[in-house]
Amino acid sequence: MTTFIAREAFDFIDGQFVVPAVPDGQLTINSPADADVIVASVDTCRAHVDQAVEAARRASPAWRRLRPQEREAVLRKYQARLRTHQEAI
């Protein structure tokens, strides 16, 4: 199994990628099948968690106002971008 080790971590907050000023440690994700490490990365900082939660609260009313078809369009666009960049991800 290939292990991905991130040397830099970026958080996506309020439409921007930001680097944690002071990471809270290392985040490790293990395979449920055999407990091998799948991903090891720098964990985010608490301040970024707080900023992300606040950004989500601000965005929530606008998201709720969208019709289901409009939400679908946003999610499909996101899906297309993920597929375009899946090798890098």
N, C-alpha and C. Protein backbone atom coordinates (compact mmCIF):
# COMPACT_ATOMS: atom_id res chain seq x y z
N MET A 1 0.84 -1.18 0.00
CA MET A 1 0.00 0.00 0.00
C MET A 1 0.88 1.24 0.00
N THR A 2 0.51 2.22 -0.79
CA THR A 2 1.25 3.47 -0.87
C THR A 2 0.79 4.41 0.22
N THR A 3 1.73 5.01 0.90
CA THR A 3 1.42 5.98 1.94
C THR A 3 1.71 7.37 1.40
N PHE A 4 0.75 8.26 1.54
CA PHE A 4 0.91 9.66 1.14
C PHE A 4 1.32 10.44 2.37
N ILE A 5 2.45 11.13 2.29
CA ILE A 5 2.90 11.96 3.40
C ILE A 5 2.95 13.40 2.92
N ALA A 6 2.10 14.22 3.49
CA ALA A 6 2.05 15.64 3.11
C ALA A 6 3.07 16.42 3.91
N ARG A 7 3.86 17.19 3.23
CA ARG A 7 4.84 18.01 3.91
C ARG A 7 4.29 19.40 4.21
N GLU A 8 3.26 19.78 3.49
CA GLU A 8 2.56 21.02 3.75
C GLU A 8 1.07 20.72 3.86
N ALA A 9 0.41 21.45 4.69
CA ALA A 9 -1.03 21.27 4.82
C ALA A 9 -1.71 22.60 4.52
N PHE A 10 -2.77 22.51 3.78
CA PHE A 10 -3.54 23.70 3.47
C PHE A 10 -4.97 23.48 3.92
N ASP A 11 -5.53 24.48 4.53
CA ASP A 11 -6.95 24.45 4.88
C ASP A 11 -7.68 25.32 3.86
N PHE A 12 -8.90 24.94 3.53
CA PHE A 12 -9.71 25.73 2.62
C PHE A 12 -10.77 26.42 3.46
N ILE A 13 -10.61 27.72 3.65
CA ILE A 13 -11.49 28.48 4.54
C ILE A 13 -12.01 29.70 3.80
N ASP A 14 -13.31 29.82 3.75
CA ASP A 14 -13.94 31.01 3.18
C ASP A 14 -13.45 31.29 1.75
N GLY A 15 -13.30 30.22 0.97
CA GLY A 15 -12.93 30.36 -0.43
C GLY A 15 -11.45 30.52 -0.71
N GLN A 16 -10.60 30.33 0.31
CA GLN A 16 -9.16 30.49 0.12
C GLN A 16 -8.40 29.35 0.78
N PHE A 17 -7.27 28.99 0.16
CA PHE A 17 -6.37 28.04 0.79
C PHE A 17 -5.45 28.80 1.73
N VAL A 18 -5.31 28.32 2.95
CA VAL A 18 -4.44 28.95 3.93
C VAL A 18 -3.59 27.87 4.61
N VAL A 19 -2.39 28.24 5.00
CA VAL A 19 -1.48 27.33 5.68
C VAL A 19 -1.59 27.59 7.18
N PRO A 20 -1.76 26.54 7.99
CA PRO A 20 -1.82 26.76 9.44
C PRO A 20 -0.53 27.40 9.95
N ALA A 21 -0.66 28.44 10.72
CA ALA A 21 0.51 29.12 11.27
C ALA A 21 1.22 28.22 12.27
N VAL A 22 0.46 27.59 13.12
CA VAL A 22 1.01 26.68 14.12
C VAL A 22 0.19 25.40 14.09
N PRO A 23 0.65 24.39 13.36
CA PRO A 23 -0.10 23.13 13.29
C PRO A 23 -0.24 22.50 14.67
N ASP A 24 -1.32 21.78 14.87
CA ASP A 24 -1.58 21.12 16.15
C ASP A 24 -0.97 19.73 16.24
N GLY A 25 -0.18 19.35 15.29
CA GLY A 25 0.44 18.03 15.35
C GLY A 25 0.32 17.33 14.02
N GLN A 26 0.34 16.01 14.08
CA GLN A 26 0.26 15.21 12.86
C GLN A 26 -1.05 14.44 12.84
N LEU A 27 -1.65 14.40 11.67
CA LEU A 27 -2.87 13.65 11.44
C LEU A 27 -2.49 12.39 10.69
N THR A 28 -2.86 11.25 11.22
CA THR A 28 -2.56 9.97 10.58
C THR A 28 -3.86 9.23 10.34
N ILE A 29 -4.04 8.73 9.13
CA ILE A 29 -5.22 7.94 8.79
C ILE A 29 -4.76 6.52 8.48
N ASN A 30 -5.36 5.57 9.17
CA ASN A 30 -5.00 4.17 9.01
C ASN A 30 -6.05 3.41 8.22
N SER A 31 -5.60 2.41 7.50
CA SER A 31 -6.50 1.54 6.76
C SER A 31 -7.32 0.72 7.73
N PRO A 32 -8.64 0.65 7.54
CA PRO A 32 -9.46 -0.19 8.42
C PRO A 32 -9.21 -1.68 8.19
N ALA A 33 -8.64 -2.02 7.04
CA ALA A 33 -8.41 -3.43 6.72
C ALA A 33 -7.22 -4.00 7.47
N ASP A 34 -6.12 -3.23 7.53
CA ASP A 34 -4.91 -3.80 8.13
C ASP A 34 -4.16 -2.83 9.04
N ALA A 35 -4.73 -1.67 9.29
CA ALA A 35 -4.16 -0.64 10.17
C ALA A 35 -2.89 0.01 9.63
N ASP A 36 -2.51 -0.28 8.38
CA ASP A 36 -1.38 0.42 7.77
C ASP A 36 -1.71 1.90 7.63
N VAL A 37 -0.70 2.74 7.73
CA VAL A 37 -0.89 4.18 7.55
C VAL A 37 -1.14 4.46 6.07
N ILE A 38 -2.25 5.13 5.79
CA ILE A 38 -2.60 5.51 4.42
C ILE A 38 -2.12 6.93 4.15
N VAL A 39 -2.39 7.82 5.11
CA VAL A 39 -2.05 9.24 4.96
C VAL A 39 -1.45 9.74 6.26
N ALA A 40 -0.39 10.51 6.13
CA ALA A 40 0.17 11.22 7.28
C ALA A 40 0.34 12.66 6.85
N SER A 41 -0.20 13.57 7.61
CA SER A 41 -0.18 14.97 7.23
C SER A 41 -0.11 15.84 8.47
N VAL A 42 0.28 17.08 8.26
CA VAL A 42 0.24 18.05 9.34
C VAL A 42 -1.22 18.35 9.65
N ASP A 43 -1.57 18.35 10.91
CA ASP A 43 -2.95 18.65 11.30
C ASP A 43 -3.12 20.17 11.34
N THR A 44 -4.35 20.61 11.20
CA THR A 44 -4.62 22.05 11.19
C THR A 44 -4.52 22.64 12.59
N CYS A 45 -4.56 23.95 12.66
CA CYS A 45 -4.53 24.61 13.97
C CYS A 45 -5.96 24.94 14.41
N ARG A 46 -6.14 25.07 15.70
CA ARG A 46 -7.47 25.32 16.27
C ARG A 46 -8.09 26.61 15.72
N ALA A 47 -7.28 27.62 15.51
CA ALA A 47 -7.81 28.90 15.00
C ALA A 47 -8.46 28.71 13.64
N HIS A 48 -7.88 27.84 12.80
CA HIS A 48 -8.46 27.60 11.48
C HIS A 48 -9.77 26.84 11.58
N VAL A 49 -9.88 25.95 12.55
CA VAL A 49 -11.16 25.26 12.75
C VAL A 49 -12.23 26.27 13.10
N ASP A 50 -11.91 27.17 14.01
CA ASP A 50 -12.87 28.21 14.40
C ASP A 50 -13.25 29.10 13.22
N GLN A 51 -12.26 29.48 12.39
CA GLN A 51 -12.53 30.31 11.22
C GLN A 51 -13.39 29.58 10.21
N ALA A 52 -13.14 28.29 10.02
CA ALA A 52 -13.92 27.50 9.06
C ALA A 52 -15.37 27.36 9.52
N VAL A 53 -15.57 27.15 10.80
CA VAL A 53 -16.94 27.04 11.34
C VAL A 53 -17.67 28.36 11.15
N GLU A 54 -17.01 29.46 11.42
CA GLU A 54 -17.64 30.78 11.26
C GLU A 54 -17.96 31.04 9.79
N ALA A 55 -17.06 30.69 8.88
CA ALA A 55 -17.31 30.87 7.45
C ALA A 55 -18.50 30.03 7.00
N ALA A 56 -18.60 28.82 7.51
CA ALA A 56 -19.74 27.95 7.17
C ALA A 56 -21.05 28.54 7.68
N ARG A 57 -21.02 29.11 8.86
CA ARG A 57 -22.23 29.76 9.41
C ARG A 57 -22.67 30.92 8.53
N ARG A 58 -21.70 31.71 8.06
CA ARG A 58 -22.03 32.85 7.20
C ARG A 58 -22.57 32.39 5.85
N ALA A 59 -22.06 31.28 5.34
CA ALA A 59 -22.48 30.79 4.02
C ALA A 59 -23.81 30.05 4.06
N SER A 60 -24.19 29.55 5.20
CA SER A 60 -25.38 28.71 5.30
C SER A 60 -26.67 29.37 4.80
N PRO A 61 -26.97 30.61 5.15
CA PRO A 61 -28.22 31.21 4.66
C PRO A 61 -28.30 31.27 3.13
N ALA A 62 -27.19 31.62 2.49
CA ALA A 62 -27.19 31.70 1.02
C ALA A 62 -27.39 30.32 0.40
N TRP A 63 -26.76 29.30 0.99
CA TRP A 63 -26.90 27.93 0.49
C TRP A 63 -28.35 27.46 0.64
N ARG A 64 -28.97 27.79 1.77
CA ARG A 64 -30.37 27.39 2.01
C ARG A 64 -31.32 28.04 1.01
N ARG A 65 -30.98 29.25 0.55
CA ARG A 65 -31.86 29.94 -0.39
C ARG A 65 -31.80 29.35 -1.80
N LEU A 66 -30.75 28.59 -2.12
CA LEU A 66 -30.64 28.00 -3.45
C LEU A 66 -31.68 26.91 -3.65
N ARG A 67 -32.20 26.86 -4.88
CA ARG A 67 -33.11 25.76 -5.22
C ARG A 67 -32.30 24.47 -5.32
N PRO A 68 -32.93 23.31 -5.17
CA PRO A 68 -32.19 22.05 -5.27
C PRO A 68 -31.40 21.91 -6.56
N GLN A 69 -31.97 22.38 -7.68
CA GLN A 69 -31.26 22.29 -8.96
C GLN A 69 -29.98 23.14 -8.96
N GLU A 70 -30.04 24.28 -8.28
CA GLU A 70 -28.86 25.15 -8.20
C GLU A 70 -27.78 24.50 -7.31
N ARG A 71 -28.21 23.88 -6.23
CA ARG A 71 -27.25 23.17 -5.38
C ARG A 71 -26.60 22.02 -6.15
N GLU A 72 -27.42 21.31 -6.92
CA GLU A 72 -26.90 20.22 -7.73
C GLU A 72 -25.83 20.72 -8.70
N ALA A 73 -26.08 21.85 -9.32
CA ALA A 73 -25.12 22.41 -10.28
C ALA A 73 -23.79 22.73 -9.59
N VAL A 74 -23.85 23.27 -8.40
CA VAL A 74 -22.64 23.59 -7.65
C VAL A 74 -21.87 22.31 -7.33
N LEU A 75 -22.58 21.30 -6.86
CA LEU A 75 -21.93 20.04 -6.49
C LEU A 75 -21.37 19.31 -7.71
N ARG A 76 -22.06 19.39 -8.83
CA ARG A 76 -21.54 18.75 -10.05
C ARG A 76 -20.28 19.45 -10.55
N LYS A 77 -20.23 20.76 -10.42
CA LYS A 77 -19.04 21.51 -10.80
C LYS A 77 -17.86 21.11 -9.91
N TYR A 78 -18.13 20.96 -8.64
CA TYR A 78 -17.11 20.52 -7.69
C TYR A 78 -16.63 19.10 -8.04
N GLN A 79 -17.56 18.23 -8.36
CA GLN A 79 -17.23 16.87 -8.76
C GLN A 79 -16.32 16.88 -10.00
N ALA A 80 -16.64 17.70 -10.97
CA ALA A 80 -15.83 17.79 -12.19
C ALA A 80 -14.41 18.25 -11.88
N ARG A 81 -14.28 19.20 -10.99
CA ARG A 81 -12.95 19.68 -10.61
C ARG A 81 -12.16 18.59 -9.89
N LEU A 82 -12.84 17.86 -9.02
CA LEU A 82 -12.16 16.75 -8.34
C LEU A 82 -11.65 15.72 -9.34
N ARG A 83 -12.47 15.39 -10.30
CA ARG A 83 -12.06 14.42 -11.32
C ARG A 83 -10.90 14.94 -12.16
N THR A 84 -10.93 16.22 -12.48
CA THR A 84 -9.85 16.81 -13.26
C THR A 84 -8.52 16.73 -12.52
N HIS A 85 -8.56 16.87 -11.22
CA HIS A 85 -7.33 16.94 -10.41
C HIS A 85 -7.12 15.69 -9.57
N GLN A 86 -7.78 14.58 -9.90
CA GLN A 86 -7.73 13.42 -9.03
C GLN A 86 -6.31 12.86 -8.86
N GLU A 87 -5.47 12.97 -9.85
CA GLU A 87 -4.10 12.46 -9.72
C GLU A 87 -3.32 13.26 -8.68
N ALA A 88 -3.53 14.55 -8.67
CA ALA A 88 -2.83 15.40 -7.71
C ALA A 88 -3.37 15.21 -6.29
N ILE A 89 -4.65 14.90 -6.21
CA ILE A 89 -5.27 14.72 -4.90
C ILE A 89 -4.81 13.40 -4.33
